[in-house]
Amino acid sequence: VNGVTTTMGIGVTGTGVQRVVLASDDPCQASGIAKSSVVLNVTTSAEVLAISGTTIIYVCGYVATVGGTAPTYQFQYGTGTVCATGTTNLSGVFLPLVGSFQIYNPGMAGFATTAGQALCIATGGTTPSVQGVLTYVRR
């Protein structure tokens, strides 16, 4: 009602903890919205998070190391195998130094898919490798 979403049961299972979260709040900043993580273990372009109904995937941050020869990576969304249908770039192409430690933690939703899209990472270079963890919210 009036931009307020009431969420039940976010605390320990069965506690009935109730929190009020403004619908306009950034889901990555809202303490009442649970964050999830997925392991990044990418050696070729890959789907990181599959489509889940009509939800939107908000990327809150990631930490990764990068390997290979002249490796690049870029986040995208779309449908089909490795987001090949309706591919839309969510980030520019990252050109990290081999062996570098990449940290992306803007303290807010850095980028998001549109509803009903998968999150993918496209890689380039010779034997690229992106290893780490990505934190997200799906709403």
Protein backbone atom coordinates (compact mmCIF):
# COMPACT_ATOMS: atom_id res chain seq x y z
CA VAL A 1 0.00 0.00 0.00
CA ASN A 2 1.44 3.40 -0.95
CA GLY A 3 4.84 1.97 -1.88
CA VAL A 4 5.26 -0.14 1.27
CA THR A 5 5.84 -3.87 1.06
CA THR A 6 5.41 -5.96 4.20
CA THR A 7 7.53 -9.09 4.26
CA MET A 8 6.82 -11.93 6.68
CA GLY A 9 9.10 -14.65 7.98
CA ILE A 10 12.43 -13.17 6.94
CA GLY A 11 14.00 -14.00 10.31
CA VAL A 12 14.77 -17.51 11.53
CA THR A 13 12.31 -19.97 9.99
CA GLY A 14 9.03 -20.03 11.88
CA THR A 15 9.67 -16.92 13.96
CA GLY A 16 7.17 -14.80 12.05
CA VAL A 17 9.56 -11.85 12.16
CA GLN A 18 7.98 -8.96 10.30
CA ARG A 19 9.89 -6.21 8.56
CA VAL A 20 8.61 -3.28 6.54
CA VAL A 21 10.51 -2.58 3.33
CA LEU A 22 9.71 0.37 1.11
CA ALA A 23 9.02 -0.81 -2.43
CA SER A 24 11.24 2.00 -3.72
CA ASP A 25 14.22 0.84 -1.61
CA ASP A 26 17.24 -0.52 -3.42
CA PRO A 27 17.02 -4.28 -2.69
CA CYS A 28 20.80 -4.46 -2.24
CA GLN A 29 20.68 -1.77 0.47
CA ALA A 30 17.52 -2.89 2.28
CA SER A 31 18.36 -4.84 5.44
CA GLY A 32 14.96 -6.57 5.33
CA ILE A 33 15.69 -8.28 2.01
CA ALA A 34 17.79 -11.45 2.04
CA LYS A 35 20.84 -11.49 -0.26
CA SER A 36 22.01 -14.60 -2.09
CA SER A 37 25.36 -15.59 -3.55
CA VAL A 38 26.50 -17.73 -6.45
CA VAL A 39 29.98 -19.05 -7.15
CA LEU A 40 31.67 -17.72 -10.29
CA ASN A 41 33.63 -20.52 -11.94
CA VAL A 42 33.69 -19.36 -15.54
CA THR A 43 36.13 -20.49 -18.21
CA THR A 44 33.92 -19.65 -21.19
CA SER A 45 30.81 -17.55 -21.67
CA ALA A 46 28.20 -18.93 -19.27
CA GLU A 47 24.86 -18.43 -17.58
CA VAL A 48 25.46 -17.29 -13.99
CA LEU A 49 21.81 -17.19 -12.83
CA ALA A 50 18.93 -18.85 -14.65
CA ILE A 51 15.57 -17.26 -15.40
CA SER A 52 13.14 -17.57 -12.50
CA GLY A 53 9.64 -16.59 -13.59
CA THR A 54 9.29 -12.86 -14.05
CA THR A 55 11.77 -11.83 -11.36
CA ILE A 56 14.52 -9.24 -11.78
CA ILE A 57 18.11 -10.06 -10.78
CA TYR A 58 19.85 -7.19 -8.96
CA VAL A 59 23.64 -7.56 -8.78
CA CYS A 60 24.86 -6.20 -5.45
CA GLY A 61 28.55 -6.94 -5.94
CA TYR A 62 31.19 -9.53 -6.72
CA VAL A 63 34.74 -10.55 -5.93
CA ALA A 64 36.78 -12.46 -8.50
CA THR A 65 40.23 -13.34 -9.72
CA VAL A 66 40.93 -13.43 -13.43
CA GLY A 67 43.31 -15.62 -15.44
CA GLY A 68 44.18 -16.51 -19.02
CA THR A 69 45.89 -14.66 -21.84
CA ALA A 70 44.44 -11.19 -22.44
CA PRO A 71 41.20 -12.16 -20.61
CA THR A 72 38.06 -10.05 -20.78
CA TYR A 73 34.61 -10.41 -19.28
CA GLN A 74 31.27 -8.63 -19.49
CA PHE A 75 27.92 -9.11 -17.74
CA GLN A 76 24.84 -9.53 -19.93
CA TYR A 77 21.22 -10.63 -19.73
CA GLY A 78 18.98 -12.48 -22.15
CA THR A 79 17.19 -15.77 -22.67
CA GLY A 80 18.17 -19.02 -24.34
CA THR A 81 21.52 -20.74 -24.10
CA VAL A 82 24.08 -18.39 -22.51
CA CYS A 83 21.68 -15.43 -22.96
CA ALA A 84 22.02 -15.71 -26.76
CA THR A 85 18.47 -14.44 -27.39
CA GLY A 86 17.80 -10.78 -26.70
CA THR A 87 21.35 -10.26 -25.41
CA THR A 88 21.77 -6.93 -23.63
CA ASN A 89 25.01 -5.73 -22.07
CA LEU A 90 24.82 -4.80 -18.37
CA SER A 91 28.44 -3.71 -18.08
CA GLY A 92 31.25 -2.63 -20.29
CA VAL A 93 34.00 -5.05 -21.19
CA PHE A 94 36.43 -5.49 -18.28
CA LEU A 95 40.09 -5.75 -19.32
CA PRO A 96 41.74 -6.88 -16.08
CA LEU A 97 45.38 -7.74 -15.60
CA VAL A 98 45.98 -11.48 -15.45
CA GLY A 99 45.93 -12.66 -11.85
CA SER A 100 44.25 -9.47 -10.69
CA PHE A 101 41.73 -9.39 -7.91
CA GLN A 102 38.49 -7.75 -9.03
CA ILE A 103 36.16 -6.20 -6.43
CA TYR A 104 32.86 -4.64 -7.35
CA ASN A 105 30.90 -3.52 -4.31
CA PRO A 106 29.07 -0.27 -4.97
CA GLY A 107 26.97 -0.47 -1.79
CA MET A 108 23.83 -0.53 -3.92
CA ALA A 109 22.40 -2.44 -6.86
CA GLY A 110 25.12 -1.97 -9.46
CA PHE A 111 23.08 -3.32 -12.34
CA ALA A 112 19.97 -5.44 -12.91
CA THR A 113 18.34 -7.58 -15.57
CA THR A 114 14.86 -6.87 -16.80
CA ALA A 115 12.03 -9.18 -15.68
CA GLY A 116 12.24 -12.79 -16.83
CA GLN A 117 15.87 -12.71 -18.01
CA ALA A 118 18.93 -14.79 -17.09
CA LEU A 119 22.23 -13.25 -15.95
CA CYS A 120 25.25 -14.29 -17.99
CA ILE A 121 28.95 -13.51 -18.24
CA ALA A 122 30.64 -13.33 -21.64
CA THR A 123 34.38 -14.00 -21.71
CA GLY A 124 37.09 -13.29 -24.24
CA GLY A 125 40.79 -13.84 -24.67
CA THR A 126 42.66 -17.13 -24.65
CA THR A 127 41.65 -19.59 -21.92
CA PRO A 128 39.88 -16.91 -19.84
CA SER A 129 39.02 -17.72 -16.25
CA VAL A 130 36.83 -15.74 -13.84
CA GLN A 131 36.66 -17.27 -10.35
CA GLY A 132 34.90 -15.82 -7.31
CA VAL A 133 31.49 -15.08 -5.84
CA LEU A 134 28.63 -12.79 -6.92
CA THR A 135 26.02 -11.42 -4.47
CA TYR A 136 22.52 -10.69 -5.73
CA VAL A 137 18.85 -10.21 -4.93
CA ARG A 138 16.07 -11.72 -7.00
CA ARG A 139 12.70 -9.91 -6.80
